[in-house]
Amino acid sequence: MLPEGKTKVTGRAFAPGSSELIEAELVCRPNSPELFLLNSADRSILTRSPRAQAELGSVVGSGPVNVMLSGGWLFQTEDHDVTALMDESFSSRTLRSWEAVRPRLLIAVAATAFCVWLLWKYGLDILASLAVAATPPGLTSAMDVATMQTIDTTLADETQLSAPLQAKVQTIFKTLVDALPPEEQPGFTLQFRKFPESLGPNAFALPGGTLVMTDALVGQFQEDPDALSGVLGHEIGHKVEAHGLRQLYRSLSVYFLVALIAGDTGPILEDFLFEGQLLLQLSHSRAHERSADDFGLALMRNAGYDPKGLKRFFATLEDLAPDSETDSEWLSTHPLNKDRIDRIDAFIKENRH
């Protein structure tokens, strides 16, 4: 409502098709269905307009407000009480009042920023967990196919490992998968690819259960089945605990959180669904890496392999390229190799018979 006793708002008027400014007043008499536009100088009526036909322009913060009246007259004012003069709804008046730069607006901005931080800190993980639970196997399989197509097109060549050596590693892989609970066994496949030498000995797991080992890794550890089982167990752990999918959904959630604020979603879903690019750009968190290490150690032990093999793997990587000098996934900004070796020693000690 207008302040008690207030029936007019001062501002400027513009005649239809004219840019000449006229100091004016917009007046509404009590219980009248009409608005009157008066010339402030001589109080003459410039135009009269039914309230229902007057159009209120956008009301943003403390900026000027435009009112289009019948006959093409424009009235402009800095007095936002004009919205009440035109019977603006209570909800619109409330929103406008909150948009004005006042202490409560600063409080609202601070509260919004705090809520965004809470969502980023805790809500994204919850949303990612819900998304993982709701993801059908067909979608993760399609993600694997898209990612492998991208890898084969841009990064890798066909494996040059001999058939007997591939079969040897496949046997280790099958033994590990068979050691999983029955409900966790479906969907796993192991593939080999020859990557550029700069990638080094490497392996990774995709969300649908496709595991990829580089020729360099198999060649480096072909005489150490326990080391190979440790690497495979680690990657199986990533898939079973859905680390890749969680990281993907969390990354997408961050993107959409930014898009929600910025107002643009862009082509990321096209990359996600059709090109497999996004999966290639993700890396697991340190917590996921430690969890996959623990999972792999328990799995290889249950499958009859020696957990010391994974220790030898990390020790070899440390010799090949110290943590501070590496940039591949296995050797990058994950837990330091020496820290992972210490955790393996602790596992071995705890599980010693």
Protein backbone atom coordinates (compact mmCIF):
# COMPACT_ATOMS: atom_id res chain seq x y z
CA MET A 1 0.00 0.00 0.00
CA LEU A 2 0.99 3.61 -0.47
CA PRO A 3 2.06 5.54 2.61
CA GLU A 4 -1.02 6.95 4.30
CA GLY A 5 -2.31 10.03 2.52
CA LYS A 6 -0.10 9.60 -0.54
CA THR A 7 -2.01 9.64 -3.82
CA LYS A 8 0.60 10.87 -6.30
CA VAL A 9 4.13 10.09 -7.48
CA THR A 10 6.41 12.65 -9.11
CA GLY A 11 8.59 11.97 -12.11
CA ARG A 12 8.94 12.71 -15.83
CA ALA A 13 6.54 12.25 -18.72
CA PHE A 14 7.16 11.76 -22.42
CA ALA A 15 4.47 12.32 -25.02
CA PRO A 16 3.89 9.59 -27.63
CA GLY A 17 6.77 9.57 -30.11
CA SER A 18 8.57 12.44 -28.33
CA SER A 19 11.78 12.59 -26.32
CA GLU A 20 10.86 15.94 -24.74
CA LEU A 21 10.91 15.63 -20.97
CA ILE A 22 7.95 17.05 -19.03
CA GLU A 23 8.04 17.26 -15.24
CA ALA A 24 4.91 15.39 -14.24
CA GLU A 25 2.90 13.68 -11.53
CA LEU A 26 1.04 10.40 -11.70
CA VAL A 27 -2.10 10.70 -9.58
CA CYS A 28 -4.68 8.19 -8.46
CA ARG A 29 -7.69 9.39 -6.48
CA PRO A 30 -9.01 7.05 -3.72
CA ASN A 31 -11.21 4.25 -5.08
CA SER A 32 -10.71 5.52 -8.64
CA PRO A 33 -10.12 3.03 -11.48
CA GLU A 34 -8.15 5.66 -13.39
CA LEU A 35 -4.64 7.11 -13.28
CA PHE A 36 -4.13 10.77 -14.15
CA LEU A 37 -0.89 12.15 -15.58
CA LEU A 38 -0.57 15.85 -14.69
CA ASN A 39 1.87 18.49 -15.85
CA SER A 40 3.66 19.60 -12.68
CA ALA A 41 3.98 23.18 -13.95
CA ASP A 42 0.32 24.04 -14.58
CA ARG A 43 -1.50 20.97 -13.18
CA SER A 44 -3.08 20.32 -16.57
CA ILE A 45 -4.06 16.76 -17.44
CA LEU A 46 -1.65 15.27 -19.97
CA THR A 47 -3.54 11.97 -20.20
CA ARG A 48 -5.75 9.65 -18.20
CA SER A 49 -5.44 5.87 -18.22
CA PRO A 50 -7.40 3.00 -16.68
CA ARG A 51 -5.24 1.23 -14.14
CA ALA A 52 -5.91 -2.09 -15.86
CA GLN A 53 -4.41 -0.78 -19.12
CA ALA A 54 -1.28 0.76 -17.59
CA GLU A 55 1.86 -1.37 -17.95
CA LEU A 56 4.53 -1.37 -15.26
CA GLY A 57 8.09 -1.90 -16.48
CA SER A 58 10.67 -4.08 -14.75
CA VAL A 59 11.48 -3.00 -11.21
CA VAL A 60 15.15 -3.70 -10.46
CA GLY A 61 16.80 -2.63 -7.23
CA SER A 62 16.66 1.12 -6.74
CA GLY A 63 16.64 1.97 -10.45
CA PRO A 64 13.99 4.04 -12.25
CA VAL A 65 10.57 2.60 -13.02
CA ASN A 66 8.72 3.08 -16.30
CA VAL A 67 4.93 3.13 -16.62
CA MET A 68 3.29 2.93 -20.04
CA LEU A 69 -0.10 4.60 -20.07
CA SER A 70 -2.89 4.38 -22.59
CA GLY A 71 -2.42 6.62 -25.57
CA GLY A 72 1.33 5.98 -25.71
CA TRP A 73 2.41 8.26 -22.85
CA LEU A 74 5.45 7.17 -20.83
CA PHE A 75 5.89 8.09 -17.17
CA GLN A 76 9.26 7.51 -15.47
CA THR A 77 10.03 7.85 -11.77
CA GLU A 78 12.57 6.91 -9.11
CA ASP A 79 9.77 6.61 -6.54
CA HIS A 80 9.00 2.91 -6.25
CA ASP A 81 5.73 3.66 -4.48
CA VAL A 82 4.36 3.88 -8.02
CA THR A 83 4.07 0.09 -7.94
CA ALA A 84 1.58 0.30 -5.09
CA LEU A 85 -0.24 3.11 -6.89
CA MET A 86 -0.85 0.61 -9.68
CA ASP A 87 -2.03 -2.11 -7.27
CA GLU A 88 1.13 -4.22 -7.68
CA SER A 89 0.81 -7.62 -5.98
CA PHE A 90 2.07 -8.10 -2.45
CA SER A 91 4.63 -10.72 -3.61
CA SER A 92 6.06 -8.36 -6.24
CA ARG A 93 6.31 -5.51 -3.76
CA THR A 94 8.03 -7.80 -1.28
CA LEU A 95 10.57 -8.98 -3.89
CA ARG A 96 11.22 -5.39 -4.96
CA SER A 97 11.76 -4.29 -1.39
CA TRP A 98 14.29 -7.09 -0.87
CA GLU A 99 16.13 -6.05 -4.05
CA ALA A 100 16.77 -2.57 -2.69
CA VAL A 101 20.33 -2.08 -1.41
CA ARG A 102 19.73 -2.25 2.31
CA PRO A 103 21.35 -4.18 5.17
CA ARG A 104 18.85 -7.00 4.77
CA LEU A 105 19.93 -7.38 1.12
CA LEU A 106 23.52 -7.83 2.27
CA ILE A 107 22.29 -10.42 4.78
CA ALA A 108 20.41 -12.21 2.00
CA VAL A 109 23.52 -12.24 -0.22
CA ALA A 110 25.65 -13.58 2.63
CA ALA A 111 23.06 -16.25 3.43
CA THR A 112 22.92 -17.28 -0.23
CA ALA A 113 26.71 -17.55 -0.39
CA PHE A 114 26.71 -19.66 2.77
CA CYS A 115 24.05 -21.98 1.37
CA VAL A 116 26.05 -22.37 -1.86
CA TRP A 117 29.12 -23.25 0.20
CA LEU A 118 27.14 -25.83 2.20
CA LEU A 119 25.84 -27.34 -1.02
CA TRP A 120 29.35 -27.50 -2.48
CA LYS A 121 30.87 -28.91 0.71
CA TYR A 122 28.26 -31.52 1.63
CA GLY A 123 25.34 -31.49 -0.76
CA LEU A 124 27.26 -32.41 -3.90
CA ASP A 125 28.47 -35.68 -2.39
CA ILE A 126 24.92 -36.54 -1.34
CA LEU A 127 23.60 -35.70 -4.79
CA ALA A 128 26.39 -37.73 -6.39
CA SER A 129 25.53 -40.76 -4.22
CA LEU A 130 21.86 -40.51 -5.18
CA ALA A 131 22.80 -40.18 -8.85
CA VAL A 132 25.09 -43.23 -8.65
CA ALA A 133 22.29 -45.30 -7.11
CA ALA A 134 19.89 -44.21 -9.86
CA THR A 135 22.29 -44.80 -12.79
CA PRO A 136 21.27 -47.81 -14.91
CA PRO A 137 24.03 -50.21 -16.03
CA GLY A 138 23.22 -49.41 -19.65
CA LEU A 139 24.29 -45.81 -19.18
CA THR A 140 27.64 -46.69 -17.62
CA SER A 141 28.27 -49.17 -20.42
CA ALA A 142 27.57 -46.44 -22.98
CA MET A 143 29.96 -44.14 -21.13
CA ASP A 144 32.67 -46.79 -21.34
CA VAL A 145 32.11 -47.24 -25.07
CA ALA A 146 32.24 -43.49 -25.72
CA THR A 147 35.39 -43.07 -23.66
CA MET A 148 37.17 -46.00 -25.33
CA GLN A 149 36.28 -44.59 -28.73
CA THR A 150 37.86 -41.29 -27.75
CA ILE A 151 40.94 -43.06 -26.40
CA ASP A 152 41.36 -45.13 -29.54
CA THR A 153 40.89 -42.09 -31.75
CA THR A 154 43.14 -39.64 -29.95
CA LEU A 155 45.51 -41.37 -27.53
CA ALA A 156 46.19 -45.05 -27.92
CA ASP A 157 47.13 -47.70 -30.46
CA GLU A 158 46.29 -51.38 -30.48
CA THR A 159 48.22 -53.42 -27.94
CA GLN A 160 51.48 -55.02 -28.98
CA LEU A 161 51.49 -57.52 -26.12
CA SER A 162 51.78 -61.15 -27.14
CA ALA A 163 48.68 -63.33 -26.90
CA PRO A 164 50.21 -65.55 -24.14
CA LEU A 165 51.08 -62.49 -22.05
CA GLN A 166 47.59 -61.06 -22.47
CA ALA A 167 46.10 -64.40 -21.45
CA LYS A 168 48.33 -64.48 -18.36
CA VAL A 169 47.07 -61.10 -17.18
CA GLN A 170 43.48 -61.98 -18.07
CA THR A 171 43.77 -65.07 -15.83
CA ILE A 172 44.89 -62.89 -12.90
CA PHE A 173 42.04 -60.51 -13.63
CA LYS A 174 39.44 -63.32 -13.72
CA THR A 175 40.75 -64.75 -10.44
CA LEU A 176 40.27 -61.37 -8.78
CA VAL A 177 36.77 -60.84 -10.21
CA ASP A 178 35.76 -64.35 -9.11
CA ALA A 179 36.84 -63.45 -5.57
CA LEU A 180 34.24 -60.65 -5.48
CA PRO A 181 30.74 -61.21 -4.08
CA PRO A 182 28.50 -62.56 -6.87
CA GLU A 183 26.45 -59.37 -7.11
CA GLU A 184 29.59 -57.31 -7.81
CA GLN A 185 31.07 -59.54 -10.53
CA PRO A 186 29.02 -58.62 -13.66
CA GLY A 187 30.25 -56.03 -16.11
CA PHE A 188 34.03 -56.34 -15.75
CA THR A 189 36.27 -56.49 -18.83
CA LEU A 190 40.00 -55.94 -19.23
CA GLN A 191 41.54 -54.33 -22.29
CA PHE A 192 45.13 -53.52 -23.26
CA ARG A 193 46.34 -50.48 -25.19
CA LYS A 194 49.68 -49.06 -26.25
CA PHE A 195 49.88 -45.48 -25.01
CA PRO A 196 52.63 -42.90 -25.60
CA GLU A 197 55.74 -43.48 -23.52
CA SER A 198 55.09 -40.26 -21.62
CA LEU A 199 52.12 -41.94 -19.91
CA GLY A 200 54.38 -44.59 -18.43
CA PRO A 201 53.11 -47.74 -16.66
CA ASN A 202 49.45 -46.95 -16.13
CA ALA A 203 46.00 -48.41 -15.63
CA PHE A 204 42.52 -47.00 -15.14
CA ALA A 205 38.93 -48.12 -14.64
CA LEU A 206 35.86 -46.71 -16.35
CA PRO A 207 32.45 -46.50 -14.61
CA GLY A 208 30.92 -49.45 -16.47
CA GLY A 209 33.63 -51.90 -15.46
CA THR A 210 36.05 -51.57 -18.36
CA LEU A 211 39.64 -51.73 -17.07
CA VAL A 212 42.51 -50.62 -19.28
CA MET A 213 46.17 -51.52 -18.79
CA THR A 214 48.99 -50.00 -20.77
CA ASP A 215 51.51 -52.18 -22.54
CA ALA A 216 54.19 -50.41 -20.54
CA LEU A 217 52.72 -51.51 -17.23
CA VAL A 218 52.28 -55.14 -18.27
CA GLY A 219 55.75 -55.21 -19.77
CA GLN A 220 57.32 -53.72 -16.65
CA PHE A 221 55.68 -56.22 -14.27
CA GLN A 222 55.07 -59.28 -16.46
CA GLU A 223 57.22 -61.45 -14.16
CA ASP A 224 55.42 -60.26 -11.02
CA PRO A 225 51.81 -61.52 -10.98
CA ASP A 226 51.35 -60.23 -7.42
CA ALA A 227 52.15 -56.68 -8.56
CA LEU A 228 49.76 -57.00 -11.50
CA SER A 229 47.05 -58.36 -9.20
CA GLY A 230 47.58 -55.37 -6.89
CA VAL A 231 47.08 -52.89 -9.72
CA LEU A 232 44.05 -54.77 -11.04
CA GLY A 233 42.58 -55.05 -7.54
CA HIS A 234 43.00 -51.31 -7.07
CA GLU A 235 41.17 -50.56 -10.33
CA ILE A 236 38.45 -53.07 -9.54
CA GLY A 237 37.99 -51.20 -6.27
CA HIS A 238 37.46 -47.95 -8.17
CA LYS A 239 34.64 -49.57 -10.13
CA VAL A 240 32.99 -51.44 -7.24
CA GLU A 241 32.97 -48.32 -5.08
CA ALA A 242 31.87 -46.22 -8.09
CA HIS A 243 34.67 -43.71 -7.63
CA GLY A 244 34.73 -42.69 -11.29
CA LEU A 245 30.97 -42.24 -11.42
CA ARG A 246 30.95 -40.29 -8.17
CA GLN A 247 33.72 -38.04 -9.43
CA LEU A 248 31.88 -37.55 -12.70
CA TYR A 249 28.59 -36.64 -11.05
CA ARG A 250 30.33 -34.38 -8.57
CA SER A 251 32.11 -32.59 -11.41
CA LEU A 252 28.83 -32.23 -13.29
CA SER A 253 27.13 -30.98 -10.10
CA VAL A 254 29.81 -28.33 -9.65
CA TYR A 255 29.34 -27.34 -13.28
CA PHE A 256 25.59 -27.05 -12.93
CA LEU A 257 25.97 -25.18 -9.65
CA VAL A 258 28.10 -22.63 -11.49
CA ALA A 259 25.65 -22.68 -14.40
CA LEU A 260 22.78 -22.06 -11.98
CA ILE A 261 24.52 -18.93 -10.78
CA ALA A 262 25.89 -17.82 -14.15
CA GLY A 263 22.82 -18.80 -16.16
CA ASP A 264 24.52 -20.92 -18.85
CA THR A 265 24.86 -24.69 -19.20
CA GLY A 266 26.89 -24.86 -22.40
CA PRO A 267 27.70 -28.02 -24.41
CA ILE A 268 29.08 -30.14 -21.56
CA LEU A 269 26.29 -32.73 -21.74
CA GLU A 270 27.08 -33.32 -25.40
CA ASP A 271 30.70 -34.07 -24.48
CA PHE A 272 29.52 -36.25 -21.61
CA LEU A 273 27.09 -38.35 -23.61
CA PHE A 274 28.67 -38.52 -27.04
CA GLU A 275 32.41 -37.87 -26.92
CA GLY A 276 33.58 -39.35 -23.64
CA GLN A 277 35.88 -36.34 -23.14
CA LEU A 278 34.78 -35.58 -19.60
CA LEU A 279 35.73 -38.98 -18.21
CA LEU A 280 39.22 -38.61 -19.59
CA GLN A 281 39.64 -35.29 -17.80
CA LEU A 282 38.73 -36.62 -14.35
CA SER A 283 41.14 -37.84 -11.73
CA HIS A 284 40.30 -39.58 -8.50
CA SER A 285 40.64 -37.82 -5.19
CA ARG A 286 43.27 -38.85 -2.64
CA ALA A 287 40.49 -40.38 -0.50
CA HIS A 288 39.32 -42.48 -3.44
CA GLU A 289 42.87 -43.60 -4.15
CA ARG A 290 43.43 -44.71 -0.55
CA SER A 291 40.08 -46.49 -0.55
CA ALA A 292 40.93 -48.30 -3.80
CA ASP A 293 44.33 -49.29 -2.37
CA ASP A 294 42.65 -50.81 0.70
CA PHE A 295 40.05 -52.56 -1.45
CA GLY A 296 42.70 -53.96 -3.80
CA LEU A 297 44.84 -55.24 -0.94
CA ALA A 298 41.92 -57.11 0.61
CA LEU A 299 40.79 -58.48 -2.75
CA MET A 300 44.21 -59.75 -3.86
CA ARG A 301 44.73 -61.36 -0.47
CA ASN A 302 41.35 -63.12 -0.70
CA ALA A 303 42.20 -64.26 -4.22
CA GLY A 304 45.47 -65.82 -3.04
CA TYR A 305 47.97 -63.13 -4.11
CA ASP A 306 50.64 -61.56 -1.93
CA PRO A 307 49.87 -57.91 -0.92
CA LYS A 308 53.61 -57.28 -1.04
CA GLY A 309 53.21 -57.23 -4.82
CA LEU A 310 51.43 -53.87 -4.66
CA LYS A 311 54.22 -52.60 -2.42
CA ARG A 312 56.77 -53.63 -5.05
CA PHE A 313 54.71 -51.85 -7.68
CA PHE A 314 54.80 -48.52 -5.84
CA ALA A 315 58.46 -48.98 -4.94
CA THR A 316 59.28 -49.50 -8.61
CA LEU A 317 57.31 -46.42 -9.59
CA GLU A 318 59.18 -44.43 -6.97
CA ASP A 319 62.47 -45.56 -8.49
CA LEU A 320 61.29 -44.83 -12.03
CA ALA A 321 60.01 -41.33 -11.22
CA PRO A 322 59.87 -39.82 -7.73
CA ASP A 323 56.55 -38.32 -6.69
CA SER A 324 57.72 -34.75 -7.18
CA GLU A 325 58.66 -35.41 -10.81
CA THR A 326 55.69 -37.38 -12.09
CA ASP A 327 52.59 -36.37 -13.97
CA SER A 328 50.72 -39.56 -14.93
CA GLU A 329 47.57 -40.58 -13.07
CA TRP A 330 49.16 -43.33 -11.00
CA LEU A 331 52.11 -41.06 -10.27
CA SER A 332 50.48 -37.65 -9.91
CA THR A 333 48.73 -35.65 -7.23
CA HIS A 334 47.50 -38.73 -5.38
CA PRO A 335 48.87 -40.04 -2.09
CA LEU A 336 52.65 -40.16 -2.24
CA ASN A 337 54.13 -43.52 -3.16
CA LYS A 338 56.01 -43.74 0.14
CA ASP A 339 52.78 -43.06 2.05
CA ARG A 340 50.99 -45.77 0.12
CA ILE A 341 53.84 -48.18 0.83
CA ASP A 342 53.51 -47.40 4.55
CA ARG A 343 49.77 -48.18 4.38
CA ILE A 344 50.53 -51.49 2.65
CA ASP A 345 53.03 -52.39 5.39
CA ALA A 346 50.37 -51.60 7.99
CA PHE A 347 47.85 -53.81 6.15
CA ILE A 348 50.31 -56.68 5.96
CA LYS A 349 51.11 -56.34 9.66
CA GLU A 350 47.43 -56.27 10.66
CA ASN A 351 46.62 -59.34 8.56
CA ARG A 352 49.65 -61.43 9.47
CA HIS A 353 48.64 -64.93 10.60
